[in-house]
Amino acid sequence: MSLHPAAAPPAYPGTESMTEPGNPQPEENLRTGGKGRRRAGKGRTPQGGGRAGRNLPAAIAVGLSLGLVLLAALLIEPIALLAVLVAASGVGAWEMARALSTTGARPPLIPLIAGSVLMTGLAWYEGADALFLGLIVTIGAAALWRLADGVAAVRRDFTPSVLIAVYGPFLLGFAAMLVRQMEHGNLLVIGTLVAVVLSDTGGYAAGVFLGKHAMAPKISPKKSWEGFAGSVTAAAIGSAALLFFMVGVPVYWGLLFGALISVVAVLGDLAESMLKRDLGVKDMSNLLPGHGGLMDRLDSILFAIPTAYLFFSIITPS
């Protein structure tokens, strides 16, 4: 459902021609993963396309730094992961509130950030029931905060507040539960992150060499069904091998796990692309040089982590 009730999603420079019959540009996008060459004087890279023009060395440095911090938290001192999750939840809430403000909404930042800390802590120490309780408390606190400005303000900001509370703090809370409640939970989180990376890499490679059929051209022109098949294949095979050698998960469960993670990772990427198009923003923020915002990096992971938690909850004997 659109967050712009009275207006259609904005057009972006260069996107109009992508869906015109006979235009060869979509196939080029599919074959290059959306990173086709820009012609001089033709404007900016289309929304949802590649990241041409961004600072590649900065992007690599930031990506490696974030990865090392997360690995250190998972392998050296797991309690440090709680601090990482709290920080990520708070930053994510701030970025979402900033982006949603383009619709005229004013989601109350203080109760939402406080609620993100509450949800993460409850998930870490108490589990799923407490996480759901924290979500309800956060949404209620945000509504009460806006009630001071009148009932109209509550109606205006209720849906954005729910979106911010769920899409970030609530979903990240499953990472805390995965680490705390599952045997070898830290390794399972690493396996989930690797599956997402394999899905992205396999999808890009397959899209470059085989991509012909657009998967969702109006949302993300770079994605093809061939790339999606490459994502699922790479994640399934890689996860089967990694989980077997790391924690002894049977190969057939590893194949299924990798395939599921790939599907939800692609859905997460498409969901954020659709949200950003609806909001008329390219990135959630400019916090991370070469990357955009933190939520731009977490889009696939946010759906993958709850899936991993539910998957291992089912296959692990109680």
C-alpha atoms as a PDB file:
ATOM      1  CA  MET A   1       0.000   0.000   0.000  1.00  0.00           C
ATOM      2  CA  SER A   2       1.392   3.345  -1.000  1.00  0.00           C
ATOM      3  CA  LEU A   3       2.516   5.747   1.646  1.00  0.00           C
ATOM      4  CA  HIS A   4       1.507   8.582  -0.696  1.00  0.00           C
ATOM      5  CA  PRO A   5      -2.287   8.323  -0.607  1.00  0.00           C
ATOM      6  CA  ALA A   6      -2.876  11.174  -3.021  1.00  0.00           C
ATOM      7  CA  ALA A   7      -0.014  10.766  -5.459  1.00  0.00           C
ATOM      8  CA  ALA A   8       1.598   8.131  -7.606  1.00  0.00           C
ATOM      9  CA  PRO A   9       5.210   7.090  -6.885  1.00  0.00           C
ATOM     10  CA  PRO A  10       7.584   9.661  -8.353  1.00  0.00           C
ATOM     11  CA  ALA A  11       9.442   9.038 -11.557  1.00  0.00           C
ATOM     12  CA  TYR A  12      13.213   9.048 -11.553  1.00  0.00           C
ATOM     13  CA  PRO A  13      15.450  10.441 -14.264  1.00  0.00           C
ATOM     14  CA  GLY A  14      16.041   7.779 -16.873  1.00  0.00           C
ATOM     15  CA  THR A  15      13.467   5.267 -15.607  1.00  0.00           C
ATOM     16  CA  GLU A  16      10.716   6.251 -18.018  1.00  0.00           C
ATOM     17  CA  SER A  17      12.441   4.603 -20.973  1.00  0.00           C
ATOM     18  CA  MET A  18      13.083   1.329 -19.217  1.00  0.00           C
ATOM     19  CA  THR A  19       9.586  -0.007 -19.816  1.00  0.00           C
ATOM     20  CA  GLU A  20       9.040   1.365 -23.321  1.00  0.00           C
ATOM     21  CA  PRO A  21       8.503  -1.373 -25.921  1.00  0.00           C
ATOM     22  CA  GLY A  22      11.479  -1.990 -28.134  1.00  0.00           C
ATOM     23  CA  ASN A  23      13.957  -0.239 -25.888  1.00  0.00           C
ATOM     24  CA  PRO A  24      17.050  -2.476 -25.571  1.00  0.00           C
ATOM     25  CA  GLN A  25      18.059  -0.935 -22.246  1.00  0.00           C
ATOM     26  CA  PRO A  26      16.258  -3.422 -19.952  1.00  0.00           C
ATOM     27  CA  GLU A  27      18.104  -6.414 -21.423  1.00  0.00           C
ATOM     28  CA  GLU A  28      21.399  -4.602 -20.996  1.00  0.00           C
ATOM     29  CA  ASN A  29      20.498  -3.905 -17.368  1.00  0.00           C
ATOM     30  CA  LEU A  30      19.666  -7.569 -16.791  1.00  0.00           C
ATOM     31  CA  ARG A  31      22.939  -8.716 -18.279  1.00  0.00           C
ATOM     32  CA  THR A  32      25.026  -6.266 -16.315  1.00  0.00           C
ATOM     33  CA  GLY A  33      23.204  -6.517 -13.027  1.00  0.00           C
ATOM     34  CA  GLY A  34      21.897  -2.985 -13.509  1.00  0.00           C
ATOM     35  CA  LYS A  35      25.412  -1.595 -13.727  1.00  0.00           C
ATOM     36  CA  GLY A  36      25.437  -0.726 -17.417  1.00  0.00           C
ATOM     37  CA  ARG A  37      27.621   2.087 -18.715  1.00  0.00           C
ATOM     38  CA  ARG A  38      26.282   5.624 -18.495  1.00  0.00           C
ATOM     39  CA  ARG A  39      26.508   7.709 -21.613  1.00  0.00           C
ATOM     40  CA  ALA A  40      27.874  11.195 -21.307  1.00  0.00           C
ATOM     41  CA  GLY A  41      25.210  13.811 -20.793  1.00  0.00           C
ATOM     42  CA  LYS A  42      22.360  11.311 -20.316  1.00  0.00           C
ATOM     43  CA  GLY A  43      21.705  12.032 -16.646  1.00  0.00           C
ATOM     44  CA  ARG A  44      21.988  10.053 -13.484  1.00  0.00           C
ATOM     45  CA  THR A  45      21.928   6.330 -12.962  1.00  0.00           C
ATOM     46  CA  PRO A  46      18.301   5.190 -12.603  1.00  0.00           C
ATOM     47  CA  GLN A  47      16.846   4.498  -9.197  1.00  0.00           C
ATOM     48  CA  GLY A  48      17.159   0.812  -8.416  1.00  0.00           C
ATOM     49  CA  GLY A  49      20.081   0.449 -10.810  1.00  0.00           C
ATOM     50  CA  GLY A  50      23.761   0.177 -10.087  1.00  0.00           C
ATOM     51  CA  ARG A  51      25.856   2.247  -7.764  1.00  0.00           C
ATOM     52  CA  ALA A  52      27.906   3.956 -10.418  1.00  0.00           C
ATOM     53  CA  GLY A  53      29.491   7.152  -9.278  1.00  0.00           C
ATOM     54  CA  ARG A  54      29.850   6.077  -5.681  1.00  0.00           C
ATOM     55  CA  ASN A  55      33.188   6.036  -3.909  1.00  0.00           C
ATOM     56  CA  LEU A  56      34.264   2.413  -4.420  1.00  0.00           C
ATOM     57  CA  PRO A  57      37.336   2.494  -2.122  1.00  0.00           C
ATOM     58  CA  ALA A  58      35.229   4.025   0.654  1.00  0.00           C
ATOM     59  CA  ALA A  59      32.488   1.459   0.068  1.00  0.00           C
ATOM     60  CA  ILE A  60      34.975  -1.417   0.317  1.00  0.00           C
ATOM     61  CA  ALA A  61      36.618   0.008   3.435  1.00  0.00           C
ATOM     62  CA  VAL A  62      33.285   0.590   5.182  1.00  0.00           C
ATOM     63  CA  GLY A  63      31.981  -2.844   4.188  1.00  0.00           C
ATOM     64  CA  LEU A  64      35.101  -4.605   5.473  1.00  0.00           C
ATOM     65  CA  SER A  65      35.047  -2.606   8.702  1.00  0.00           C
ATOM     66  CA  LEU A  66      31.423  -3.473   9.397  1.00  0.00           C
ATOM     67  CA  GLY A  67      32.078  -7.125   8.615  1.00  0.00           C
ATOM     68  CA  LEU A  68      35.093  -7.294  10.932  1.00  0.00           C
ATOM     69  CA  VAL A  69      33.186  -5.645  13.790  1.00  0.00           C
ATOM     70  CA  LEU A  70      30.335  -8.130  13.401  1.00  0.00           C
ATOM     71  CA  LEU A  71      32.658 -11.137  13.186  1.00  0.00           C
ATOM     72  CA  ALA A  72      34.559  -9.995  16.259  1.00  0.00           C
ATOM     73  CA  ALA A  73      31.310  -9.606  18.176  1.00  0.00           C
ATOM     74  CA  LEU A  74      30.156 -13.069  17.153  1.00  0.00           C
ATOM     75  CA  LEU A  75      33.411 -14.985  17.622  1.00  0.00           C
ATOM     76  CA  ILE A  76      35.291 -13.201  20.403  1.00  0.00           C
ATOM     77  CA  GLU A  77      32.682 -11.804  22.798  1.00  0.00           C
ATOM     78  CA  PRO A  78      29.053 -12.651  21.944  1.00  0.00           C
ATOM     79  CA  ILE A  79      27.704 -10.121  24.481  1.00  0.00           C
ATOM     80  CA  ALA A  80      29.223  -7.476  22.216  1.00  0.00           C
ATOM     81  CA  LEU A  81      26.654  -8.517  19.629  1.00  0.00           C
ATOM     82  CA  LEU A  82      23.989  -7.068  21.906  1.00  0.00           C
ATOM     83  CA  ALA A  83      25.671  -3.660  21.679  1.00  0.00           C
ATOM     84  CA  VAL A  84      25.944  -4.006  17.889  1.00  0.00           C
ATOM     85  CA  LEU A  85      22.256  -4.910  17.588  1.00  0.00           C
ATOM     86  CA  VAL A  86      21.186  -2.051  19.871  1.00  0.00           C
ATOM     87  CA  ALA A  87      23.211   0.421  17.807  1.00  0.00           C
ATOM     88  CA  ALA A  88      21.906  -0.980  14.509  1.00  0.00           C
ATOM     89  CA  SER A  89      18.299  -0.876  15.736  1.00  0.00           C
ATOM     90  CA  GLY A  90      18.597   2.722  16.907  1.00  0.00           C
ATOM     91  CA  VAL A  91      20.296   3.896  13.728  1.00  0.00           C
ATOM     92  CA  GLY A  92      17.740   2.024  11.641  1.00  0.00           C
ATOM     93  CA  ALA A  93      14.861   3.703  13.478  1.00  0.00           C
ATOM     94  CA  TRP A  94      16.440   7.117  12.885  1.00  0.00           C
ATOM     95  CA  GLU A  95      16.990   6.421   9.172  1.00  0.00           C
ATOM     96  CA  MET A  96      13.447   5.142   8.677  1.00  0.00           C
ATOM     97  CA  ALA A  97      11.947   8.150  10.467  1.00  0.00           C
ATOM     98  CA  ARG A  98      14.057  10.457   8.319  1.00  0.00           C
ATOM     99  CA  ALA A  99      12.972   8.749   5.096  1.00  0.00           C
ATOM    100  CA  LEU A 100       9.296   8.558   6.048  1.00  0.00           C
ATOM    101  CA  SER A 101       9.276  12.276   6.830  1.00  0.00           C
ATOM    102  CA  THR A 102       9.221  12.846   3.051  1.00  0.00           C
ATOM    103  CA  THR A 103       5.553  11.770   3.127  1.00  0.00           C
ATOM    104  CA  GLY A 104       4.658  14.452   5.673  1.00  0.00           C
ATOM    105  CA  ALA A 105       4.647  11.975   8.554  1.00  0.00           C
ATOM    106  CA  ARG A 106       6.330  12.839  11.852  1.00  0.00           C
ATOM    107  CA  PRO A 107       6.980   9.519  13.614  1.00  0.00           C
ATOM    108  CA  PRO A 108       8.123  10.240  17.201  1.00  0.00           C
ATOM    109  CA  LEU A 109      11.809   9.412  17.275  1.00  0.00           C
ATOM    110  CA  ILE A 110      12.386   9.294  21.043  1.00  0.00           C
ATOM    111  CA  PRO A 111       9.895   6.506  21.904  1.00  0.00           C
ATOM    112  CA  LEU A 112      10.826   4.596  18.744  1.00  0.00           C
ATOM    113  CA  ILE A 113      14.557   4.600  19.512  1.00  0.00           C
ATOM    114  CA  ALA A 114      13.886   3.783  23.156  1.00  0.00           C
ATOM    115  CA  GLY A 115      11.592   1.004  22.013  1.00  0.00           C
ATOM    116  CA  SER A 116      14.253  -0.386  19.685  1.00  0.00           C
ATOM    117  CA  VAL A 117      16.647  -0.672  22.636  1.00  0.00           C
ATOM    118  CA  LEU A 118      13.897  -2.266  24.722  1.00  0.00           C
ATOM    119  CA  MET A 119      13.005  -4.836  22.056  1.00  0.00           C
ATOM    120  CA  THR A 120      16.620  -5.838  21.488  1.00  0.00           C
ATOM    121  CA  GLY A 121      17.271  -6.250  25.211  1.00  0.00           C
ATOM    122  CA  LEU A 122      14.087  -8.240  25.761  1.00  0.00           C
ATOM    123  CA  ALA A 123      14.878 -10.534  22.839  1.00  0.00           C
ATOM    124  CA  TRP A 124      18.398 -11.104  24.174  1.00  0.00           C
ATOM    125  CA  TYR A 125      17.467 -11.838  27.772  1.00  0.00           C
ATOM    126  CA  GLU A 126      13.875 -13.131  27.636  1.00  0.00           C
ATOM    127  CA  GLY A 127      13.082 -14.447  24.164  1.00  0.00           C
ATOM    128  CA  ALA A 128      10.229 -14.325  21.670  1.00  0.00           C
ATOM    129  CA  ASP A 129       7.295 -13.539  23.975  1.00  0.00           C
ATOM    130  CA  ALA A 130       9.158 -10.600  25.473  1.00  0.00           C
ATOM    131  CA  LEU A 131      10.131  -9.364  22.010  1.00  0.00           C
ATOM    132  CA  PHE A 132       6.469  -9.262  20.964  1.00  0.00           C
ATOM    133  CA  LEU A 133       5.604  -7.485  24.204  1.00  0.00           C
ATOM    134  CA  GLY A 134       8.339  -4.925  23.518  1.00  0.00           C
ATOM    135  CA  LEU A 135       6.875  -4.327  20.058  1.00  0.00           C
ATOM    136  CA  ILE A 136       3.422  -3.641  21.509  1.00  0.00           C
ATOM    137  CA  VAL A 137       4.855  -1.317  24.161  1.00  0.00           C
ATOM    138  CA  THR A 138       6.871   0.584  21.535  1.00  0.00           C
ATOM    139  CA  ILE A 139       3.879   1.091  19.244  1.00  0.00           C
ATOM    140  CA  GLY A 140       1.718   2.143  22.192  1.00  0.00           C
ATOM    141  CA  ALA A 141       4.335   4.601  23.450  1.00  0.00           C
ATOM    142  CA  ALA A 142       4.666   6.148  19.987  1.00  0.00           C
ATOM    143  CA  ALA A 143       0.884   6.573  19.737  1.00  0.00           C
ATOM    144  CA  LEU A 144       0.659   8.154  23.185  1.00  0.00           C
ATOM    145  CA  TRP A 145       3.545  10.491  22.333  1.00  0.00           C
ATOM    146  CA  ARG A 146       1.697  11.729  19.260  1.00  0.00           C
ATOM    147  CA  LEU A 147      -1.603  12.001  21.156  1.00  0.00           C
ATOM    148  CA  ALA A 148      -0.231  15.186  22.729  1.00  0.00           C
ATOM    149  CA  ASP A 149      -0.589  16.755  19.263  1.00  0.00           C
ATOM    150  CA  GLY A 150      -4.141  15.524  18.785  1.00  0.00           C
ATOM    151  CA  VAL A 151      -5.973  12.542  17.354  1.00  0.00           C
ATOM    152  CA  ALA A 152      -5.163  13.632  13.796  1.00  0.00           C
ATOM    153  CA  ALA A 153      -1.447  13.354  14.544  1.00  0.00           C
ATOM    154  CA  VAL A 154      -1.958   9.821  15.901  1.00  0.00           C
ATOM    155  CA  ARG A 155      -3.785   8.784  12.732  1.00  0.00           C
ATOM    156  CA  ARG A 156      -1.130  10.371  10.533  1.00  0.00           C
ATOM    157  CA  ASP A 157       1.854   8.798  12.267  1.00  0.00           C
ATOM    158  CA  PHE A 158       0.504   5.444  13.467  1.00  0.00           C
ATOM    159  CA  THR A 159       1.306   3.417  10.334  1.00  0.00           C
ATOM    160  CA  PRO A 160       4.815   4.921   9.893  1.00  0.00           C
ATOM    161  CA  SER A 161       5.529   4.231  13.584  1.00  0.00           C
ATOM    162  CA  VAL A 162       4.467   0.597  13.235  1.00  0.00           C
ATOM    163  CA  LEU A 163       6.618   0.233  10.111  1.00  0.00           C
ATOM    164  CA  ILE A 164       9.667   1.665  11.889  1.00  0.00           C
ATOM    165  CA  ALA A 165       9.177  -0.547  14.957  1.00  0.00           C
ATOM    166  CA  VAL A 166       8.771  -3.736  12.924  1.00  0.00           C
ATOM    167  CA  TYR A 167      11.137  -3.125  10.015  1.00  0.00           C
ATOM    168  CA  GLY A 168      14.367  -2.991  11.926  1.00  0.00           C
ATOM    169  CA  PRO A 169      14.292  -3.422  15.717  1.00  0.00           C
ATOM    170  CA  PHE A 170      11.738  -6.249  15.773  1.00  0.00           C
ATOM    171  CA  LEU A 171      13.313  -8.212  12.912  1.00  0.00           C
ATOM    172  CA  LEU A 172      16.844  -7.698  14.252  1.00  0.00           C
ATOM    173  CA  GLY A 173      15.657  -9.056  17.611  1.00  0.00           C
ATOM    174  CA  PHE A 174      15.631 -12.525  16.036  1.00  0.00           C
ATOM    175  CA  ALA A 175      19.414 -12.338  15.696  1.00  0.00           C
ATOM    176  CA  ALA A 176      19.649 -11.944  19.474  1.00  0.00           C
ATOM    177  CA  MET A 177      17.405 -14.951  20.002  1.00  0.00           C
ATOM    178  CA  LEU A 178      19.327 -17.012  17.459  1.00  0.00           C
ATOM    179  CA  VAL A 179      22.572 -16.424  19.335  1.00  0.00           C
ATOM    180  CA  ARG A 180      21.124 -16.845  22.816  1.00  0.00           C
ATOM    181  CA  GLN A 181      18.738 -19.765  22.337  1.00  0.00           C
ATOM    182  CA  MET A 182      20.381 -21.980  19.699  1.00  0.00           C
ATOM    183  CA  GLU A 183      23.395 -24.200  20.162  1.00  0.00           C
ATOM    184  CA  HIS A 184      26.261 -22.679  18.158  1.00  0.00           C
ATOM    185  CA  GLY A 185      23.982 -19.694  17.597  1.00  0.00           C
ATOM    186  CA  ASN A 186      26.856 -17.379  16.735  1.00  0.00           C
ATOM    187  CA  LEU A 187      27.947 -19.754  13.963  1.00  0.00           C
ATOM    188  CA  LEU A 188      24.386 -19.999  12.689  1.00  0.00           C
ATOM    189  CA  VAL A 189      24.254 -16.204  12.394  1.00  0.00           C
ATOM    190  CA  ILE A 190      27.515 -16.307  10.427  1.00  0.00           C
ATOM    191  CA  GLY A 191      26.066 -19.033   8.219  1.00  0.00           C
ATOM    192  CA  THR A 192      22.987 -16.898   7.575  1.00  0.00           C
ATOM    193  CA  LEU A 193      25.063 -13.865   6.631  1.00  0.00           C
ATOM    194  CA  VAL A 194      27.241 -15.969   4.326  1.00  0.00           C
ATOM    195  CA  ALA A 195      24.101 -17.375   2.676  1.00  0.00           C
ATOM    196  CA  VAL A 196      22.916 -13.820   1.971  1.00  0.00           C
ATOM    197  CA  VAL A 197      26.300 -12.895   0.493  1.00  0.00           C
ATOM    198  CA  LEU A 198      26.301 -16.043  -1.658  1.00  0.00           C
ATOM    199  CA  SER A 199      22.783 -15.236  -2.833  1.00  0.00           C
ATOM    200  CA  ASP A 200      23.808 -11.714  -3.839  1.00  0.00           C
ATOM    201  CA  THR A 201      26.994 -12.912  -5.546  1.00  0.00           C
ATOM    202  CA  GLY A 202      25.353 -15.804  -7.373  1.00  0.00           C
ATOM    203  CA  GLY A 203      22.503 -13.589  -8.500  1.00  0.00           C
ATOM    204  CA  TYR A 204      24.863 -10.935  -9.823  1.00  0.00           C
ATOM    205  CA  ALA A 205      27.022 -13.440 -11.706  1.00  0.00           C
ATOM    206  CA  ALA A 206      24.050 -15.242 -13.255  1.00  0.00           C
ATOM    207  CA  GLY A 207      22.422 -11.924 -14.135  1.00  0.00           C
ATOM    208  CA  VAL A 208      25.555 -10.679 -15.895  1.00  0.00           C
ATOM    209  CA  PHE A 209      26.029 -13.744 -18.079  1.00  0.00           C
ATOM    210  CA  LEU A 210      22.523 -15.179 -18.447  1.00  0.00           C
ATOM    211  CA  GLY A 211      19.992 -12.510 -17.483  1.00  0.00           C
ATOM    212  CA  LYS A 212      17.251 -12.043 -20.093  1.00  0.00           C
ATOM    213  CA  HIS A 213      13.873 -12.117 -18.354  1.00  0.00           C
ATOM    214  CA  ALA A 214      13.018  -9.298 -15.972  1.00  0.00           C
ATOM    215  CA  MET A 215      11.840 -10.403 -12.562  1.00  0.00           C
ATOM    216  CA  ALA A 216      10.284  -7.150 -11.305  1.00  0.00           C
ATOM    217  CA  PRO A 217      11.097  -4.400 -13.843  1.00  0.00           C
ATOM    218  CA  LYS A 218       8.964  -1.735 -12.178  1.00  0.00           C
ATOM    219  CA  ILE A 219      10.613  -2.270  -8.798  1.00  0.00           C
ATOM    220  CA  SER A 220      14.186  -3.302  -9.606  1.00  0.00           C
ATOM    221  CA  PRO A 221      15.094  -3.353 -13.320  1.00  0.00           C
ATOM    222  CA  LYS A 222      18.413  -5.085 -12.663  1.00  0.00           C
ATOM    223  CA  LYS A 223      16.870  -8.312 -11.341  1.00  0.00           C
ATOM    224  CA  SER A 224      16.242 -11.225 -13.699  1.00  0.00           C
ATOM    225  CA  TRP A 225      14.770 -14.673 -13.214  1.00  0.00           C
ATOM    226  CA  GLU A 226      18.082 -16.141 -14.341  1.00  0.00           C
ATOM    227  CA  GLY A 227      19.817 -14.127 -11.647  1.00  0.00           C
ATOM    228  CA  PHE A 228      17.286 -15.361  -9.098  1.00  0.00           C
ATOM    229  CA  ALA A 229      18.050 -18.958 -10.078  1.00  0.00           C
ATOM    230  CA  GLY A 230      21.745 -18.209  -9.630  1.00  0.00           C
ATOM    231  CA  SER A 231      21.040 -16.733  -6.192  1.00  0.00           C
ATOM    232  CA  VAL A 232      19.156 -19.799  -4.999  1.00  0.00           C
ATOM    233  CA  THR A 233      21.722 -22.226  -6.418  1.00  0.00           C
ATOM    234  CA  ALA A 234      24.757 -20.469  -4.942  1.00  0.00           C
ATOM    235  CA  ALA A 235      23.157 -19.995  -1.519  1.00  0.00           C
ATOM    236  CA  ALA A 236      21.875 -23.583  -1.355  1.00  0.00           C
ATOM    237  CA  ILE A 237      25.161 -25.245  -2.317  1.00  0.00           C
ATOM    238  CA  GLY A 238      27.313 -22.899  -0.241  1.00  0.00           C
ATOM    239  CA  SER A 239      25.093 -23.185   2.835  1.00  0.00           C
ATOM    240  CA  ALA A 240      24.982 -26.985   2.620  1.00  0.00           C
ATOM    241  CA  ALA A 241      28.775 -27.162   2.686  1.00  0.00           C
ATOM    242  CA  LEU A 242      29.322 -24.435   5.275  1.00  0.00           C
ATOM    243  CA  LEU A 243      26.731 -25.603   7.800  1.00  0.00           C
ATOM    244  CA  PHE A 244      27.833 -29.220   7.472  1.00  0.00           C
ATOM    245  CA  PHE A 245      31.463 -28.439   8.252  1.00  0.00           C
ATOM    246  CA  MET A 246      30.761 -25.731  10.854  1.00  0.00           C
ATOM    247  CA  VAL A 247      28.013 -27.303  12.957  1.00  0.00           C
ATOM    248  CA  GLY A 248      27.219 -30.690  11.406  1.00  0.00           C
ATOM    249  CA  VAL A 249      23.867 -29.762   9.833  1.00  0.00           C
ATOM    250  CA  PRO A 250      22.852 -32.521   7.357  1.00  0.00           C
ATOM    251  CA  VAL A 251      23.430 -31.598   3.742  1.00  0.00           C
ATOM    252  CA  TYR A 252      19.752 -31.815   2.767  1.00  0.00           C
ATOM    253  CA  TRP A 253      18.808 -29.348   5.535  1.00  0.00           C
ATOM    254  CA  GLY A 254      21.649 -27.077   4.439  1.00  0.00           C
ATOM    255  CA  LEU A 255      20.407 -27.076   0.850  1.00  0.00           C
ATOM    256  CA  LEU A 256      16.886 -26.202   1.960  1.00  0.00           C
ATOM    257  CA  PHE A 257      18.188 -23.537   4.343  1.00  0.00           C
ATOM    258  CA  GLY A 258      20.263 -21.836   1.656  1.00  0.00           C
ATOM    259  CA  ALA A 259      17.377 -21.853  -0.808  1.00  0.00           C
ATOM    260  CA  LEU A 260      14.971 -20.344   1.742  1.00  0.00           C
ATOM    261  CA  ILE A 261      17.451 -17.664   2.783  1.00  0.00           C
ATOM    262  CA  SER A 262      18.030 -16.733  -0.847  1.00  0.00           C
ATOM    263  CA  VAL A 263      14.294 -16.376  -1.526  1.00  0.00           C
ATOM    264  CA  VAL A 264      13.637 -14.157   1.491  1.00  0.00           C
ATOM    265  CA  ALA A 265      16.823 -12.147   0.868  1.00  0.00           C
ATOM    266  CA  VAL A 266      15.638 -11.309  -2.641  1.00  0.00           C
ATOM    267  CA  LEU A 267      12.186 -10.446  -1.288  1.00  0.00           C
ATOM    268  CA  GLY A 268      13.798  -8.187   1.326  1.00  0.00           C
ATOM    269  CA  ASP A 269      15.810  -6.399  -1.329  1.00  0.00           C
ATOM    270  CA  LEU A 270      12.719  -5.907  -3.488  1.00  0.00           C
ATOM    271  CA  ALA A 271      10.675  -4.714  -0.498  1.00  0.00           C
ATOM    272  CA  GLU A 272      13.161  -1.973   0.336  1.00  0.00           C
ATOM    273  CA  SER A 273      13.497  -0.978  -3.322  1.00  0.00           C
ATOM    274  CA  MET A 274       9.719  -0.624  -3.517  1.00  0.00           C
ATOM    275  CA  LEU A 275       9.638   1.383  -0.285  1.00  0.00           C
ATOM    276  CA  LYS A 276      12.361   3.765  -1.453  1.00  0.00           C
ATOM    277  CA  ARG A 277      10.632   4.286  -4.802  1.00  0.00           C
ATOM    278  CA  ASP A 278       7.390   5.072  -3.011  1.00  0.00           C
ATOM    279  CA  LEU A 279       9.161   7.534  -0.715  1.00  0.00           C
ATOM    280  CA  GLY A 280      11.114   9.108  -3.560  1.00  0.00           C
ATOM    281  CA  VAL A 281      14.531   8.569  -1.972  1.00  0.00           C
ATOM    282  CA  LYS A 282      17.633   6.905  -3.387  1.00  0.00           C
ATOM    283  CA  ASP A 283      19.073   5.872  -0.016  1.00  0.00           C
ATOM    284  CA  MET A 284      17.746   5.784   3.534  1.00  0.00           C
ATOM    285  CA  SER A 285      20.583   8.136   4.567  1.00  0.00           C
ATOM    286  CA  ASN A 286      24.157   9.036   3.675  1.00  0.00           C
ATOM    287  CA  LEU A 287      25.590   7.658   6.907  1.00  0.00           C
ATOM    288  CA  LEU A 288      27.917   5.079   5.323  1.00  0.00           C
ATOM    289  CA  PRO A 289      30.276   6.419   2.620  1.00  0.00           C
ATOM    290  CA  GLY A 290      29.804   4.508  -0.621  1.00  0.00           C
ATOM    291  CA  HIS A 291      26.825   2.567   0.758  1.00  0.00           C
ATOM    292  CA  GLY A 292      24.090   5.047   1.624  1.00  0.00           C
ATOM    293  CA  GLY A 293      22.380   4.186   4.886  1.00  0.00           C
ATOM    294  CA  LEU A 294      22.644   1.272   7.269  1.00  0.00           C
ATOM    295  CA  MET A 295      19.167   0.095   6.276  1.00  0.00           C
ATOM    296  CA  ASP A 296      20.342  -0.026   2.655  1.00  0.00           C
ATOM    297  CA  ARG A 297      22.855  -2.671   3.754  1.00  0.00           C
ATOM    298  CA  LEU A 298      20.428  -4.588   5.965  1.00  0.00           C
ATOM    299  CA  ASP A 299      17.571  -4.951   3.476  1.00  0.00           C
ATOM    300  CA  SER A 300      18.253  -8.621   2.624  1.00  0.00           C
ATOM    301  CA  ILE A 301      19.459  -9.548   6.106  1.00  0.00           C
ATOM    302  CA  LEU A 302      16.331  -8.259   7.885  1.00  0.00           C
ATOM    303  CA  PHE A 303      14.180 -10.959   6.300  1.00  0.00           C
ATOM    304  CA  ALA A 304      16.874 -13.637   6.422  1.00  0.00           C
ATOM    305  CA  ILE A 305      17.509 -13.565  10.186  1.00  0.00           C
ATOM    306  CA  PRO A 306      13.904 -14.344  11.309  1.00  0.00           C
ATOM    307  CA  THR A 307      13.743 -17.067   8.639  1.00  0.00           C
ATOM    308  CA  ALA A 308      16.926 -18.625   9.994  1.00  0.00           C
ATOM    309  CA  TYR A 309      15.604 -18.520  13.552  1.00  0.00           C
ATOM    310  CA  LEU A 310      12.332 -20.201  12.586  1.00  0.00           C
ATOM    311  CA  PHE A 311      14.129 -22.757  10.407  1.00  0.00           C
ATOM    312  CA  PHE A 312      16.540 -23.887  13.098  1.00  0.00           C
ATOM    313  CA  SER A 313      13.771 -23.838  15.712  1.00  0.00           C
ATOM    314  CA  ILE A 314      11.904 -26.395  13.593  1.00  0.00           C
ATOM    315  CA  ILE A 315      14.746 -28.740  12.658  1.00  0.00           C
ATOM    316  CA  THR A 316      16.537 -28.667  16.019  1.00  0.00           C
ATOM    317  CA  PRO A 317      15.203 -31.271  18.471  1.00  0.00           C
ATOM    318  CA  SER A 318      13.814 -29.710  21.657  1.00  0.00           C
END
